C-alpha atoms as a PDB file:
ATOM      1  CA  UNK A   1     -12.661-104.220 -77.139  1.00  0.00           C
ATOM      2  CA  UNK A   2     -13.994-100.680 -77.283  1.00  0.00           C
ATOM      3  CA  UNK A   3     -14.099-100.508 -73.484  1.00  0.00           C
ATOM      4  CA  UNK A   4     -10.512-101.723 -73.247  1.00  0.00           C
ATOM      5  CA  UNK A   5      -9.376 -99.116 -75.769  1.00  0.00           C
ATOM      6  CA  UNK A   6     -11.215 -96.350 -73.938  1.00  0.00           C
ATOM      7  CA  UNK A   7      -9.711 -97.422 -70.620  1.00  0.00           C
ATOM      8  CA  UNK A   8      -6.243 -97.448 -72.181  1.00  0.00           C
ATOM      9  CA  UNK A   9      -6.724 -93.944 -73.576  1.00  0.00           C
ATOM     10  CA  UNK A  10      -7.856 -92.682 -70.191  1.00  0.00           C
ATOM     11  CA  UNK A  11      -4.838 -94.210 -68.453  1.00  0.00           C
ATOM     12  CA  UNK A  12      -2.509 -92.710 -71.044  1.00  0.00           C
ATOM     13  CA  UNK A  13      -4.077 -89.289 -70.616  1.00  0.00           C
ATOM     14  CA  UNK A  14      -3.798 -89.564 -66.833  1.00  0.00           C
ATOM     15  CA  UNK A  15      -0.138 -90.536 -67.029  1.00  0.00           C
ATOM     16  CA  UNK A  16       0.513 -87.632 -69.384  1.00  0.00           C
ATOM     17  CA  UNK A  17      -1.152 -85.154 -67.037  1.00  0.00           C
ATOM     18  CA  UNK A  18       0.759 -86.562 -64.053  1.00  0.00           C
ATOM     19  CA  UNK A  19       4.048 -86.334 -65.959  1.00  0.00           C
ATOM     20  CA  UNK A  20       3.288 -82.757 -66.923  1.00  0.00           C
ATOM     21  CA  UNK A  21       2.646 -81.873 -63.287  1.00  0.00           C
ATOM     22  CA  UNK A  22       5.921 -83.467 -62.206  1.00  0.00           C
ATOM     23  CA  UNK A  23       7.813 -81.619 -64.928  1.00  0.00           C
ATOM     24  CA  UNK A  24       6.215 -78.350 -63.865  1.00  0.00           C
ATOM     25  CA  UNK A  25       7.224 -78.912 -60.251  1.00  0.00           C
ATOM     26  CA  UNK A  26      10.768 -79.737 -61.288  1.00  0.00           C
ATOM     27  CA  UNK A  27      10.957 -76.597 -63.404  1.00  0.00           C
ATOM     28  CA  UNK A  28       9.603 -74.401 -60.627  1.00  0.00           C
ATOM     29  CA  UNK A  29      11.821 -75.835 -57.899  1.00  0.00           C
ATOM     30  CA  UNK A  30      15.092 -74.124 -58.951  1.00  0.00           C
ATOM     31  CA  UNK A  31      13.341 -70.781 -59.224  1.00  0.00           C
ATOM     32  CA  UNK A  32      11.942 -71.033 -55.708  1.00  0.00           C
ATOM     33  CA  UNK A  33      15.276 -72.219 -54.367  1.00  0.00           C
ATOM     34  CA  UNK A  34      16.995 -69.350 -56.133  1.00  0.00           C
ATOM     35  CA  UNK A  35      14.617 -66.823 -54.600  1.00  0.00           C
ATOM     36  CA  UNK A  36      15.168 -68.352 -51.165  1.00  0.00           C
ATOM     37  CA  UNK A  37      18.966 -68.347 -51.467  1.00  0.00           C
ATOM     38  CA  UNK A  38      19.203 -64.749 -52.681  1.00  0.00           C
ATOM     39  CA  UNK A  39      18.230 -62.435 -49.833  1.00  0.00           C
ATOM     40  CA  UNK A  40      16.940 -58.893 -50.341  1.00  0.00           C
ATOM     41  CA  UNK A  41      18.342 -56.333 -47.892  1.00  0.00           C
ATOM     42  CA  UNK A  42      16.386 -53.192 -47.018  1.00  0.00           C
ATOM     43  CA  UNK A  43      16.576 -50.376 -44.483  1.00  0.00           C
ATOM     44  CA  UNK A  44      14.372 -52.440 -42.220  1.00  0.00           C
ATOM     45  CA  UNK A  45      16.438 -55.639 -42.056  1.00  0.00           C
ATOM     46  CA  UNK A  46      19.999 -54.549 -42.863  1.00  0.00           C
ATOM     47  CA  UNK A  47      21.196 -55.255 -39.310  1.00  0.00           C
ATOM     48  CA  UNK A  48      20.856 -58.979 -40.046  1.00  0.00           C
ATOM     49  CA  UNK A  49      24.110 -58.828 -42.006  1.00  0.00           C
ATOM     50  CA  UNK A  50      26.016 -57.932 -38.823  1.00  0.00           C
ATOM     51  CA  UNK A  51      25.933 -61.600 -37.773  1.00  0.00           C
ATOM     52  CA  UNK A  52      27.289 -64.485 -39.820  1.00  0.00           C
ATOM     53  CA  UNK A  53      29.033 -64.382 -43.196  1.00  0.00           C
ATOM     54  CA  UNK A  54      27.541 -62.448 -46.097  1.00  0.00           C
ATOM     55  CA  UNK A  55      28.220 -61.460 -49.681  1.00  0.00           C
ATOM     56  CA  UNK A  56      26.175 -58.399 -50.632  1.00  0.00           C
ATOM     57  CA  UNK A  57      25.724 -56.860 -54.064  1.00  0.00           C
ATOM     58  CA  UNK A  58      24.637 -53.239 -54.486  1.00  0.00           C
ATOM     59  CA  UNK A  59      23.025 -52.711 -57.879  1.00  0.00           C
ATOM     60  CA  UNK A  60      20.578 -50.605 -59.851  1.00  0.00           C
ATOM     61  CA  UNK A  61      18.129 -51.980 -62.437  1.00  0.00           C
ATOM     62  CA  UNK A  62      19.218 -49.437 -65.055  1.00  0.00           C
ATOM     63  CA  UNK A  63      22.951 -50.249 -64.705  1.00  0.00           C
ATOM     64  CA  UNK A  64      24.292 -52.295 -67.700  1.00  0.00           C
ATOM     65  CA  UNK A  65      27.167 -53.754 -65.666  1.00  0.00           C
ATOM     66  CA  UNK A  66      24.702 -54.836 -62.986  1.00  0.00           C
ATOM     67  CA  UNK A  67      22.524 -56.517 -65.598  1.00  0.00           C
ATOM     68  CA  UNK A  68      25.518 -58.491 -66.875  1.00  0.00           C
ATOM     69  CA  UNK A  69      26.422 -59.560 -63.348  1.00  0.00           C
ATOM     70  CA  UNK A  70      22.956 -60.805 -62.354  1.00  0.00           C
ATOM     71  CA  UNK A  71      23.165 -64.303 -63.973  1.00  0.00           C
ATOM     72  CA  UNK A  72      26.536 -64.974 -62.315  1.00  0.00           C
ATOM     73  CA  UNK A  73      25.281 -63.659 -58.988  1.00  0.00           C
ATOM     74  CA  UNK A  74      22.139 -65.800 -59.144  1.00  0.00           C
ATOM     75  CA  UNK A  75      24.199 -68.930 -59.844  1.00  0.00           C
ATOM     76  CA  UNK A  76      26.538 -68.021 -57.010  1.00  0.00           C
ATOM     77  CA  UNK A  77      23.524 -67.686 -54.699  1.00  0.00           C
ATOM     78  CA  UNK A  78      22.624 -71.343 -55.350  1.00  0.00           C
ATOM     79  CA  UNK A  79      25.907 -72.334 -53.670  1.00  0.00           C
ATOM     80  CA  UNK A  80      25.372 -70.154 -50.626  1.00  0.00           C
ATOM     81  CA  UNK A  81      23.899 -72.874 -48.446  1.00  0.00           C
ATOM     82  CA  UNK A  82      26.697 -75.326 -49.286  1.00  0.00           C
ATOM     83  CA  UNK A  83      29.362 -72.727 -48.491  1.00  0.00           C
ATOM     84  CA  UNK A  84      27.643 -71.529 -45.326  1.00  0.00           C
ATOM     85  CA  UNK A  85      27.429 -67.946 -46.571  1.00  0.00           C
ATOM     86  CA  UNK A  86      24.403 -65.714 -47.096  1.00  0.00           C
ATOM     87  CA  UNK A  87      24.071 -64.137 -50.537  1.00  0.00           C
ATOM     88  CA  UNK A  88      22.151 -60.875 -50.713  1.00  0.00           C
ATOM     89  CA  UNK A  89      21.464 -57.903 -52.942  1.00  0.00           C
ATOM     90  CA  UNK A  90      20.475 -54.266 -52.411  1.00  0.00           C
ATOM     91  CA  UNK A  91      18.641 -52.105 -54.934  1.00  0.00           C
ATOM     92  CA  UNK A  92      20.099 -48.638 -54.333  1.00  0.00           C
ATOM     93  CA  UNK A  93      17.215 -46.976 -56.174  1.00  0.00           C
ATOM     94  CA  UNK A  94      14.804 -48.376 -53.592  1.00  0.00           C
ATOM     95  CA  UNK A  95      17.135 -48.131 -50.579  1.00  0.00           C
ATOM     96  CA  UNK A  96      18.942 -44.754 -50.703  1.00  0.00           C
ATOM     97  CA  UNK A  97      19.699 -44.956 -46.990  1.00  0.00           C
ATOM     98  CA  UNK A  98      21.832 -48.069 -47.495  1.00  0.00           C
ATOM     99  CA  UNK A  99      23.556 -46.412 -50.433  1.00  0.00           C
ATOM    100  CA  UNK A 100      24.719 -43.639 -48.113  1.00  0.00           C
ATOM    101  CA  UNK A 101      25.453 -45.984 -45.227  1.00  0.00           C
ATOM    102  CA  UNK A 102      27.894 -48.028 -47.343  1.00  0.00           C
ATOM    103  CA  UNK A 103      29.181 -45.051 -49.407  1.00  0.00           C
ATOM    104  CA  UNK A 104      28.267 -46.584 -52.765  1.00  0.00           C
ATOM    105  CA  UNK A 105      30.056 -44.562 -55.452  1.00  0.00           C
ATOM    106  CA  UNK A 106      30.127 -47.167 -58.254  1.00  0.00           C
ATOM    107  CA  UNK A 107      27.822 -49.914 -59.483  1.00  0.00           C
ATOM    108  CA  UNK A 108      27.843 -52.780 -58.996  1.00  0.00           C
ATOM    109  CA  UNK A 109      29.593 -52.804 -55.608  1.00  0.00           C
ATOM    110  CA  UNK A 110      30.125 -56.019 -53.647  1.00  0.00           C
ATOM    111  CA  UNK A 111      30.886 -56.275 -49.935  1.00  0.00           C
ATOM    112  CA  UNK A 112      31.952 -59.248 -47.862  1.00  0.00           C
ATOM    113  CA  UNK A 113      30.873 -59.221 -44.230  1.00  0.00           C
ATOM    114  CA  UNK A 114      32.004 -61.559 -41.482  1.00  0.00           C
ATOM    115  CA  UNK A 115      30.444 -60.972 -38.048  1.00  0.00           C
ATOM    116  CA  UNK A 116      30.089 -57.240 -38.595  1.00  0.00           C
ATOM    117  CA  UNK A 117      33.524 -56.721 -40.223  1.00  0.00           C
ATOM    118  CA  UNK A 118      33.155 -55.411 -43.777  1.00  0.00           C
ATOM    119  CA  UNK A 119      35.550 -55.776 -46.685  1.00  0.00           C
ATOM    120  CA  UNK A 120      35.069 -54.527 -50.208  1.00  0.00           C
ATOM    121  CA  UNK A 121      35.361 -57.156 -52.922  1.00  0.00           C
ATOM    122  CA  UNK A 122      37.418 -55.961 -55.895  1.00  0.00           C
ATOM    123  CA  UNK A 123      38.179 -59.201 -57.746  1.00  0.00           C
ATOM    124  CA  UNK A 124      36.794 -60.754 -60.906  1.00  0.00           C
ATOM    125  CA  UNK A 125      33.033 -61.085 -61.122  1.00  0.00           C
ATOM    126  CA  UNK A 126      32.260 -64.625 -62.134  1.00  0.00           C
ATOM    127  CA  UNK A 127      30.641 -67.463 -60.226  1.00  0.00           C
ATOM    128  CA  UNK A 128      33.902 -69.412 -59.941  1.00  0.00           C
ATOM    129  CA  UNK A 129      35.756 -66.352 -58.636  1.00  0.00           C
ATOM    130  CA  UNK A 130      33.097 -65.785 -56.000  1.00  0.00           C
ATOM    131  CA  UNK A 131      33.237 -69.444 -54.958  1.00  0.00           C
ATOM    132  CA  UNK A 132      37.022 -69.443 -54.616  1.00  0.00           C
ATOM    133  CA  UNK A 133      36.893 -66.145 -52.728  1.00  0.00           C
ATOM    134  CA  UNK A 134      34.702 -67.759 -50.071  1.00  0.00           C
ATOM    135  CA  UNK A 135      36.039 -71.323 -50.145  1.00  0.00           C
ATOM    136  CA  UNK A 136      39.715 -70.307 -49.981  1.00  0.00           C
ATOM    137  CA  UNK A 137      39.006 -67.415 -47.586  1.00  0.00           C
ATOM    138  CA  UNK A 138      40.706 -64.878 -49.787  1.00  0.00           C
ATOM    139  CA  UNK A 139      38.805 -62.168 -47.943  1.00  0.00           C
ATOM    140  CA  UNK A 140      41.288 -62.476 -45.079  1.00  0.00           C
ATOM    141  CA  UNK A 141      43.938 -60.720 -47.188  1.00  0.00           C
ATOM    142  CA  UNK A 142      41.726 -57.644 -47.719  1.00  0.00           C
ATOM    143  CA  UNK A 143      41.953 -54.764 -45.267  1.00  0.00           C
ATOM    144  CA  UNK A 144      38.621 -54.305 -43.478  1.00  0.00           C
ATOM    145  CA  UNK A 145      36.661 -51.087 -43.527  1.00  0.00           C
ATOM    146  CA  UNK A 146      37.567 -48.741 -40.672  1.00  0.00           C
ATOM    147  CA  UNK A 147      35.179 -48.678 -37.735  1.00  0.00           C
ATOM    148  CA  UNK A 148      34.730 -44.937 -38.345  1.00  0.00           C
ATOM    149  CA  UNK A 149      33.214 -45.737 -41.740  1.00  0.00           C
ATOM    150  CA  UNK A 150      31.417 -48.918 -40.739  1.00  0.00           C
ATOM    151  CA  UNK A 151      27.698 -49.021 -41.567  1.00  0.00           C
ATOM    152  CA  UNK A 152      26.729 -49.022 -37.892  1.00  0.00           C
ATOM    153  CA  UNK A 153      28.926 -46.039 -36.911  1.00  0.00           C
ATOM    154  CA  UNK A 154      27.527 -42.631 -35.993  1.00  0.00           C
ATOM    155  CA  UNK A 155      29.040 -41.061 -39.104  1.00  0.00           C
ATOM    156  CA  UNK A 156      27.388 -43.544 -41.444  1.00  0.00           C
ATOM    157  CA  UNK A 157      24.079 -43.229 -39.603  1.00  0.00           C
ATOM    158  CA  UNK A 158      24.223 -39.502 -40.281  1.00  0.00           C
ATOM    159  CA  UNK A 159      25.158 -40.174 -43.911  1.00  0.00           C
ATOM    160  CA  UNK A 160      22.209 -42.537 -44.269  1.00  0.00           C
ATOM    161  CA  UNK A 161      19.848 -39.915 -42.852  1.00  0.00           C
ATOM    162  CA  UNK A 162      21.280 -37.347 -45.274  1.00  0.00           C
ATOM    163  CA  UNK A 163      20.663 -39.620 -48.260  1.00  0.00           C
ATOM    164  CA  UNK A 164      17.111 -40.290 -47.094  1.00  0.00           C
ATOM    165  CA  UNK A 165      16.531 -36.556 -46.739  1.00  0.00           C
ATOM    166  CA  UNK A 166      17.851 -35.937 -50.246  1.00  0.00           C
ATOM    167  CA  UNK A 167      15.505 -38.552 -51.693  1.00  0.00           C
ATOM    168  CA  UNK A 168      12.599 -37.052 -49.737  1.00  0.00           C
ATOM    169  CA  UNK A 169      13.386 -33.625 -51.173  1.00  0.00           C
ATOM    170  CA  UNK A 170      13.581 -35.126 -54.640  1.00  0.00           C
ATOM    171  CA  UNK A 171      10.163 -36.756 -54.236  1.00  0.00           C
ATOM    172  CA  UNK A 172       8.727 -33.464 -52.994  1.00  0.00           C
ATOM    173  CA  UNK A 173      10.221 -31.653 -55.987  1.00  0.00           C
ATOM    174  CA  UNK A 174       8.722 -34.187 -58.392  1.00  0.00           C
ATOM    175  CA  UNK A 175       5.360 -33.898 -56.664  1.00  0.00           C
ATOM    176  CA  UNK A 176       5.376 -30.102 -56.896  1.00  0.00           C
ATOM    177  CA  UNK A 177       6.425 -29.991 -60.541  1.00  0.00           C
ATOM    178  CA  UNK A 178       4.474 -32.983 -61.876  1.00  0.00           C
ATOM    179  CA  UNK A 179       1.337 -33.167 -59.747  1.00  0.00           C
ATOM    180  CA  UNK A 180       0.791 -29.513 -58.816  1.00  0.00           C
ATOM    181  CA  UNK A 181       2.302 -28.019 -62.014  1.00  0.00           C
ATOM    182  CA  UNK A 182       4.587 -25.702 -60.039  1.00  0.00           C
ATOM    183  CA  UNK A 183       7.412 -24.257 -62.196  1.00  0.00           C
ATOM    184  CA  UNK A 184      10.879 -25.612 -61.564  1.00  0.00           C
ATOM    185  CA  UNK A 185      12.147 -22.211 -60.412  1.00  0.00           C
ATOM    186  CA  UNK A 186       9.165 -21.980 -58.056  1.00  0.00           C
ATOM    187  CA  UNK A 187      10.034 -25.342 -56.514  1.00  0.00           C
ATOM    188  CA  UNK A 188      13.644 -24.229 -56.042  1.00  0.00           C
ATOM    189  CA  UNK A 189      12.433 -21.009 -54.428  1.00  0.00           C
ATOM    190  CA  UNK A 190      10.236 -22.922 -51.991  1.00  0.00           C
ATOM    191  CA  UNK A 191      13.121 -25.156 -50.934  1.00  0.00           C
ATOM    192  CA  UNK A 192      15.469 -22.164 -50.618  1.00  0.00           C
ATOM    193  CA  UNK A 193      12.995 -20.343 -48.378  1.00  0.00           C
ATOM    194  CA  UNK A 194      12.424 -23.461 -46.283  1.00  0.00           C
ATOM    195  CA  UNK A 195      16.191 -23.920 -45.912  1.00  0.00           C
ATOM    196  CA  UNK A 196      16.632 -20.292 -44.809  1.00  0.00           C
ATOM    197  CA  UNK A 197      13.839 -20.450 -42.240  1.00  0.00           C
ATOM    198  CA  UNK A 198      14.984 -23.781 -40.835  1.00  0.00           C
ATOM    199  CA  UNK A 199      18.552 -22.454 -40.553  1.00  0.00           C
ATOM    200  CA  UNK A 200      17.405 -19.374 -38.635  1.00  0.00           C
ATOM    201  CA  UNK A 201      15.260 -21.428 -36.279  1.00  0.00           C
ATOM    202  CA  UNK A 202      18.055 -23.921 -35.672  1.00  0.00           C
ATOM    203  CA  UNK A 203      20.533 -21.103 -35.026  1.00  0.00           C
ATOM    204  CA  UNK A 204      18.240 -19.487 -32.451  1.00  0.00           C
ATOM    205  CA  UNK A 205      17.721 -22.807 -30.719  1.00  0.00           C
ATOM    206  CA  UNK A 206      21.479 -23.389 -30.528  1.00  0.00           C
ATOM    207  CA  UNK A 207      22.050 -19.882 -29.118  1.00  0.00           C
ATOM    208  CA  UNK A 208      19.409 -20.394 -26.432  1.00  0.00           C
ATOM    209  CA  UNK A 209      20.866 -23.763 -25.502  1.00  0.00           C
ATOM    210  CA  UNK A 210      24.392 -22.320 -25.308  1.00  0.00           C
ATOM    211  CA  UNK A 211      23.266 -19.388 -23.131  1.00  0.00           C
ATOM    212  CA  UNK A 212      21.352 -21.707 -20.841  1.00  0.00           C
ATOM    213  CA  UNK A 213      24.133 -24.284 -20.516  1.00  0.00           C
ATOM    214  CA  UNK A 214      27.052 -21.808 -20.351  1.00  0.00           C
ATOM    215  CA  UNK A 215      25.810 -18.460 -19.003  1.00  0.00           C
ATOM    216  CA  UNK A 216      28.218 -15.557 -19.522  1.00  0.00           C
ATOM    217  CA  UNK A 217      29.901 -14.114 -16.388  1.00  0.00           C
ATOM    218  CA  UNK A 218      32.071 -11.574 -18.145  1.00  0.00           C
ATOM    219  CA  UNK A 219      29.835  -8.652 -17.235  1.00  0.00           C
ATOM    220  CA  UNK A 220      29.640  -9.472 -13.532  1.00  0.00           C
ATOM    221  CA  UNK A 221      31.146  -6.718 -11.257  1.00  0.00           C
ATOM    222  CA  UNK A 222      33.784  -8.961  -9.718  1.00  0.00           C
ATOM    223  CA  UNK A 223      34.500 -11.092 -12.808  1.00  0.00           C
ATOM    224  CA  UNK A 224      38.048  -9.743 -13.355  1.00  0.00           C
ATOM    225  CA  UNK A 225      38.868  -9.665  -9.640  1.00  0.00           C
ATOM    226  CA  UNK A 226      38.341 -13.410  -9.296  1.00  0.00           C
ATOM    227  CA  UNK A 227      41.338 -14.086 -11.514  1.00  0.00           C
ATOM    228  CA  UNK A 228      43.774 -11.812  -9.542  1.00  0.00           C
ATOM    229  CA  UNK A 229      45.624 -12.342  -6.243  1.00  0.00           C
ATOM    230  CA  UNK A 230      44.160 -10.773  -3.114  1.00  0.00           C
ATOM    231  CA  UNK A 231      46.904  -8.088  -2.871  1.00  0.00           C
ATOM    232  CA  UNK A 232      46.339  -6.846  -6.397  1.00  0.00           C
ATOM    233  CA  UNK A 233      42.608  -6.786  -5.810  1.00  0.00           C
ATOM    234  CA  UNK A 234      43.052  -4.480  -2.797  1.00  0.00           C
ATOM    235  CA  UNK A 235      45.367  -2.164  -4.747  1.00  0.00           C
ATOM    236  CA  UNK A 236      42.903  -1.938  -7.614  1.00  0.00           C
ATOM    237  CA  UNK A 237      40.076  -1.152  -5.242  1.00  0.00           C
ATOM    238  CA  UNK A 238      42.143   1.613  -3.587  1.00  0.00           C
ATOM    239  CA  UNK A 239      42.962   3.098  -6.996  1.00  0.00           C
ATOM    240  CA  UNK A 240      39.321   3.047  -7.971  1.00  0.00           C
ATOM    241  CA  UNK A 241      38.347   4.729  -4.689  1.00  0.00           C
ATOM    242  CA  UNK A 242      40.983   7.445  -5.209  1.00  0.00           C
ATOM    243  CA  UNK A 243      39.811   8.013  -8.775  1.00  0.00           C
ATOM    244  CA  UNK A 244      36.242   8.346  -7.588  1.00  0.00           C
ATOM    245  CA  UNK A 245      37.325  10.839  -4.892  1.00  0.00           C
ATOM    246  CA  UNK A 246      39.312  12.885  -7.442  1.00  0.00           C
ATOM    247  CA  UNK A 247      36.332  12.882  -9.727  1.00  0.00           C
ATOM    248  CA  UNK A 248      34.086  14.220  -6.970  1.00  0.00           C
ATOM    249  CA  UNK A 249      36.593  17.016  -6.168  1.00  0.00           C
ATOM    250  CA  UNK A 250      36.773  17.994  -9.837  1.00  0.00           C
ATOM    251  CA  UNK A 251      33.003  18.122  -9.963  1.00  0.00           C
ATOM    252  CA  UNK A 252      32.970  20.418  -6.893  1.00  0.00           C
ATOM    253  CA  UNK A 253      35.620  22.690  -8.462  1.00  0.00           C
ATOM    254  CA  UNK A 254      33.663  22.848 -11.666  1.00  0.00           C
ATOM    255  CA  UNK A 255      30.532  23.802  -9.755  1.00  0.00           C
ATOM    256  CA  UNK A 256      32.384  26.531  -7.789  1.00  0.00           C
ATOM    257  CA  UNK A 257      34.063  27.874 -10.920  1.00  0.00           C
ATOM    258  CA  UNK A 258      30.763  28.017 -12.704  1.00  0.00           C
ATOM    259  CA  UNK A 259      29.172  29.921  -9.857  1.00  0.00           C
ATOM    260  CA  UNK A 260      32.117  32.407  -9.751  1.00  0.00           C
ATOM    261  CA  UNK A 261      31.707  33.121 -13.448  1.00  0.00           C
ATOM    262  CA  UNK A 262      28.005  33.717 -12.924  1.00  0.00           C
ATOM    263  CA  UNK A 263      28.752  36.151 -10.073  1.00  0.00           C
ATOM    264  CA  UNK A 264      31.268  38.023 -12.224  1.00  0.00           C
ATOM    265  CA  UNK A 265      28.806  38.364 -15.073  1.00  0.00           C
ATOM    266  CA  UNK A 266      26.141  39.552 -12.659  1.00  0.00           C
ATOM    267  CA  UNK A 267      28.500  42.203 -11.173  1.00  0.00           C
ATOM    268  CA  UNK A 268      29.416  43.419 -14.668  1.00  0.00           C
ATOM    269  CA  UNK A 269      25.797  43.780 -15.664  1.00  0.00           C
ATOM    270  CA  UNK A 270      25.039  45.674 -12.413  1.00  0.00           C
ATOM    271  CA  UNK A 271      27.937  48.066 -13.056  1.00  0.00           C
ATOM    272  CA  UNK A 272      26.655  48.850 -16.539  1.00  0.00           C
ATOM    273  CA  UNK A 273      23.209  49.625 -15.195  1.00  0.00           C
ATOM    274  CA  UNK A 274      24.648  51.995 -12.599  1.00  0.00           C
ATOM    275  CA  UNK A 275      26.660  53.858 -15.230  1.00  0.00           C
ATOM    276  CA  UNK A 276      23.556  54.228 -17.325  1.00  0.00           C
ATOM    277  CA  UNK A 277      21.609  55.926 -14.525  1.00  0.00           C
ATOM    278  CA  UNK A 278      24.562  57.924 -13.184  1.00  0.00           C
ATOM    279  CA  UNK A 279      24.999  56.030  -9.925  1.00  0.00           C
ATOM    280  CA  UNK A 280      28.628  56.046  -8.721  1.00  0.00           C
ATOM    281  CA  UNK A 281      30.289  52.628  -8.459  1.00  0.00           C
ATOM    282  CA  UNK A 282      31.174  51.292  -5.055  1.00  0.00           C
ATOM    283  CA  UNK A 283      34.769  50.697  -4.202  1.00  0.00           C
ATOM    284  CA  UNK A 284      35.550  47.072  -3.904  1.00  0.00           C
END
């Protein structure tokens, strides 16, 4: 009897442990499915959204409106596989490049993307509204983002690089002020000096490139003659030759006149000397 009771207790304990394991697996399954359905977009994998259909949320952990939206967005993500749409999110505090690439000016911001064509979602923010937006294809009535401002355009690539640079400067500023105990004004002075030097270097490089690619011909001897007809060129050359000849004659006259004045002064001085010694002047 004791053995039977002990065996029964062991079986009951085993069933209880097995049931607990099953319950744990059931409880963990939605969480894993939720994490699989909700994609995380970064600077390294953002080009994946250019193919297929996507709904992307841009959020920040400190944003109250984003915190209120998260439960609805997570529930919406569970329906992504059934609707054939990928649900994703972007943390703008961790991905500043994507914040600049998509021109995020308010949080949360939601974009719909279909094969590389982006539209900004501006409807209500509940799970049912998201489902109807995809199921009824309401996104077709929204004007898509211009190709000039698309995330893969040259302009947005430059904007993304600018945002990354700004975050890099911010990290450097925090490092200087917090780790190295540099005063705030000292950090600003360092960045101002670096900006000035980089601007001067870049300006010199651009000047050298411009001079090398487009050398100036304005100071060449025949630069102006190339733009005139042949007859006018000959007339101008004749005028220049005549002016040069006139200039040479004037120089000769000036030399002769100068010599005449010297001779006159010399004759006057000689006459004064003769008067001083009583020598009669010669008739000229």
